[in-house]
């Protein structure tokens, strides 16, 4: 009989690709700056996840309607996702103040 219990969640089991936290700071600016982040295997996947968080799955990144709006709208997350994110690979805390 085992006395130890196995953890139920393993973020990066040995066979799984390594997940990283991709963070875009000073983005989605209106009166104050915002932040976008995604836990993903690659920066490309992180960009897609953030994009879908704003536009939804009905407008994938290749959708012409969404691309036209994103290219002309500096308040779109697509504009900010052109920036390179900060990649977090070790323990770190975050705090983002609201404002407006």
C-alpha atoms as a PDB file:
ATOM      1  CA  UNK A   1       0.000   0.000   0.000  1.00  0.00           C
ATOM      2  CA  UNK A   2       1.318   3.405  -0.998  1.00  0.00           C
ATOM      3  CA  UNK A   3       1.433   6.202   1.554  1.00  0.00           C
ATOM      4  CA  UNK A   4       2.149   8.882  -1.026  1.00  0.00           C
ATOM      5  CA  UNK A   5      -0.491  10.215  -3.334  1.00  0.00           C
ATOM      6  CA  UNK A   6       0.319  11.179  -6.890  1.00  0.00           C
ATOM      7  CA  UNK A   7      -0.392  14.775  -7.879  1.00  0.00           C
ATOM      8  CA  UNK A   8      -3.466  14.931 -10.089  1.00  0.00           C
ATOM      9  CA  UNK A   9      -2.142  17.666 -12.366  1.00  0.00           C
ATOM     10  CA  UNK A  10       1.235  17.629 -14.046  1.00  0.00           C
ATOM     11  CA  UNK A  11       1.894  20.694 -16.189  1.00  0.00           C
ATOM     12  CA  UNK A  12       4.787  19.175 -18.082  1.00  0.00           C
ATOM     13  CA  UNK A  13       4.927  15.399 -17.866  1.00  0.00           C
ATOM     14  CA  UNK A  14       8.107  13.997 -19.448  1.00  0.00           C
ATOM     15  CA  UNK A  15       6.382  13.045 -22.717  1.00  0.00           C
ATOM     16  CA  UNK A  16       4.533  16.363 -23.142  1.00  0.00           C
ATOM     17  CA  UNK A  17       5.864  19.432 -24.947  1.00  0.00           C
ATOM     18  CA  UNK A  18       7.077  22.132 -22.580  1.00  0.00           C
ATOM     19  CA  UNK A  19       4.517  24.840 -21.862  1.00  0.00           C
ATOM     20  CA  UNK A  20       5.690  28.420 -21.428  1.00  0.00           C
ATOM     21  CA  UNK A  21       3.860  31.542 -20.393  1.00  0.00           C
ATOM     22  CA  UNK A  22       3.964  34.196 -23.119  1.00  0.00           C
ATOM     23  CA  UNK A  23       3.244  37.700 -21.820  1.00  0.00           C
ATOM     24  CA  UNK A  24       2.537  40.858 -23.819  1.00  0.00           C
ATOM     25  CA  UNK A  25       2.685  43.932 -21.600  1.00  0.00           C
ATOM     26  CA  UNK A  26       1.706  47.531 -22.418  1.00  0.00           C
ATOM     27  CA  UNK A  27      -0.879  46.356 -24.964  1.00  0.00           C
ATOM     28  CA  UNK A  28      -4.600  46.833 -25.625  1.00  0.00           C
ATOM     29  CA  UNK A  29      -4.122  50.455 -24.635  1.00  0.00           C
ATOM     30  CA  UNK A  30      -7.115  52.736 -24.236  1.00  0.00           C
ATOM     31  CA  UNK A  31      -6.641  55.083 -21.275  1.00  0.00           C
ATOM     32  CA  UNK A  32      -4.295  52.651 -19.574  1.00  0.00           C
ATOM     33  CA  UNK A  33      -2.206  49.703 -20.727  1.00  0.00           C
ATOM     34  CA  UNK A  34      -3.441  46.154 -20.673  1.00  0.00           C
ATOM     35  CA  UNK A  35      -1.806  42.759 -20.683  1.00  0.00           C
ATOM     36  CA  UNK A  36      -2.280  39.593 -22.749  1.00  0.00           C
ATOM     37  CA  UNK A  37      -0.908  36.200 -21.856  1.00  0.00           C
ATOM     38  CA  UNK A  38      -1.163  32.603 -23.001  1.00  0.00           C
ATOM     39  CA  UNK A  39       0.159  29.311 -21.717  1.00  0.00           C
ATOM     40  CA  UNK A  40       1.336  27.595 -24.885  1.00  0.00           C
ATOM     41  CA  UNK A  41       3.925  25.381 -26.561  1.00  0.00           C
ATOM     42  CA  UNK A  42       5.148  28.092 -28.963  1.00  0.00           C
ATOM     43  CA  UNK A  43       4.875  31.830 -29.575  1.00  0.00           C
ATOM     44  CA  UNK A  44       2.780  31.123 -32.686  1.00  0.00           C
ATOM     45  CA  UNK A  45       0.290  29.096 -30.645  1.00  0.00           C
ATOM     46  CA  UNK A  46       0.252  31.793 -27.951  1.00  0.00           C
ATOM     47  CA  UNK A  47      -0.555  34.465 -30.545  1.00  0.00           C
ATOM     48  CA  UNK A  48      -3.389  32.355 -31.930  1.00  0.00           C
ATOM     49  CA  UNK A  49      -4.837  31.751 -28.453  1.00  0.00           C
ATOM     50  CA  UNK A  50      -4.783  35.473 -27.592  1.00  0.00           C
ATOM     51  CA  UNK A  51      -6.262  36.340 -30.970  1.00  0.00           C
ATOM     52  CA  UNK A  52      -9.101  33.862 -30.457  1.00  0.00           C
ATOM     53  CA  UNK A  53      -9.706  35.260 -26.969  1.00  0.00           C
ATOM     54  CA  UNK A  54     -10.629  38.614 -28.570  1.00  0.00           C
ATOM     55  CA  UNK A  55     -12.198  37.561 -31.866  1.00  0.00           C
ATOM     56  CA  UNK A  56     -13.574  34.122 -31.038  1.00  0.00           C
ATOM     57  CA  UNK A  57     -13.251  30.985 -33.101  1.00  0.00           C
ATOM     58  CA  UNK A  58     -15.655  32.330 -35.751  1.00  0.00           C
ATOM     59  CA  UNK A  59     -12.941  34.674 -37.019  1.00  0.00           C
ATOM     60  CA  UNK A  60      -9.648  32.769 -37.301  1.00  0.00           C
ATOM     61  CA  UNK A  61      -6.440  34.769 -37.938  1.00  0.00           C
ATOM     62  CA  UNK A  62      -6.660  34.060 -41.698  1.00  0.00           C
ATOM     63  CA  UNK A  63     -10.221  35.413 -41.978  1.00  0.00           C
ATOM     64  CA  UNK A  64     -10.220  38.396 -44.402  1.00  0.00           C
ATOM     65  CA  UNK A  65     -12.829  40.394 -42.494  1.00  0.00           C
ATOM     66  CA  UNK A  66     -10.912  40.081 -39.232  1.00  0.00           C
ATOM     67  CA  UNK A  67      -7.563  40.820 -40.891  1.00  0.00           C
ATOM     68  CA  UNK A  68      -8.924  44.036 -42.437  1.00  0.00           C
ATOM     69  CA  UNK A  69     -10.193  45.289 -39.078  1.00  0.00           C
ATOM     70  CA  UNK A  70      -7.081  44.183 -37.201  1.00  0.00           C
ATOM     71  CA  UNK A  71      -4.714  45.852 -39.675  1.00  0.00           C
ATOM     72  CA  UNK A  72      -6.477  49.193 -39.400  1.00  0.00           C
ATOM     73  CA  UNK A  73      -7.371  49.149 -35.704  1.00  0.00           C
ATOM     74  CA  UNK A  74      -4.551  49.925 -33.286  1.00  0.00           C
ATOM     75  CA  UNK A  75      -6.890  48.866 -30.466  1.00  0.00           C
ATOM     76  CA  UNK A  76      -7.094  45.341 -31.881  1.00  0.00           C
ATOM     77  CA  UNK A  77      -5.107  42.620 -30.187  1.00  0.00           C
ATOM     78  CA  UNK A  78      -3.753  41.625 -33.631  1.00  0.00           C
ATOM     79  CA  UNK A  79      -1.854  44.915 -33.778  1.00  0.00           C
ATOM     80  CA  UNK A  80      -0.274  44.260 -30.365  1.00  0.00           C
ATOM     81  CA  UNK A  81       0.472  40.613 -31.129  1.00  0.00           C
ATOM     82  CA  UNK A  82       3.011  41.773 -33.715  1.00  0.00           C
ATOM     83  CA  UNK A  83       5.232  42.668 -30.744  1.00  0.00           C
ATOM     84  CA  UNK A  84       7.491  40.025 -29.227  1.00  0.00           C
ATOM     85  CA  UNK A  85       6.236  38.655 -25.900  1.00  0.00           C
ATOM     86  CA  UNK A  86       8.195  38.129 -22.717  1.00  0.00           C
ATOM     87  CA  UNK A  87       8.580  34.401 -22.090  1.00  0.00           C
ATOM     88  CA  UNK A  88       8.237  33.154 -18.514  1.00  0.00           C
ATOM     89  CA  UNK A  89       9.848  29.783 -17.822  1.00  0.00           C
ATOM     90  CA  UNK A  90      10.238  29.919 -14.045  1.00  0.00           C
ATOM     91  CA  UNK A  91       8.158  30.892 -11.042  1.00  0.00           C
ATOM     92  CA  UNK A  92       6.954  34.495 -11.189  1.00  0.00           C
ATOM     93  CA  UNK A  93       4.049  36.483  -9.790  1.00  0.00           C
ATOM     94  CA  UNK A  94       2.041  39.105 -11.637  1.00  0.00           C
ATOM     95  CA  UNK A  95      -0.148  42.017 -10.615  1.00  0.00           C
ATOM     96  CA  UNK A  96      -1.995  44.290 -13.022  1.00  0.00           C
ATOM     97  CA  UNK A  97      -3.808  47.354 -11.736  1.00  0.00           C
ATOM     98  CA  UNK A  98      -7.045  48.439 -13.308  1.00  0.00           C
ATOM     99  CA  UNK A  99      -7.644  51.960 -14.412  1.00  0.00           C
ATOM    100  CA  UNK A 100      -9.551  54.045 -16.795  1.00  0.00           C
END
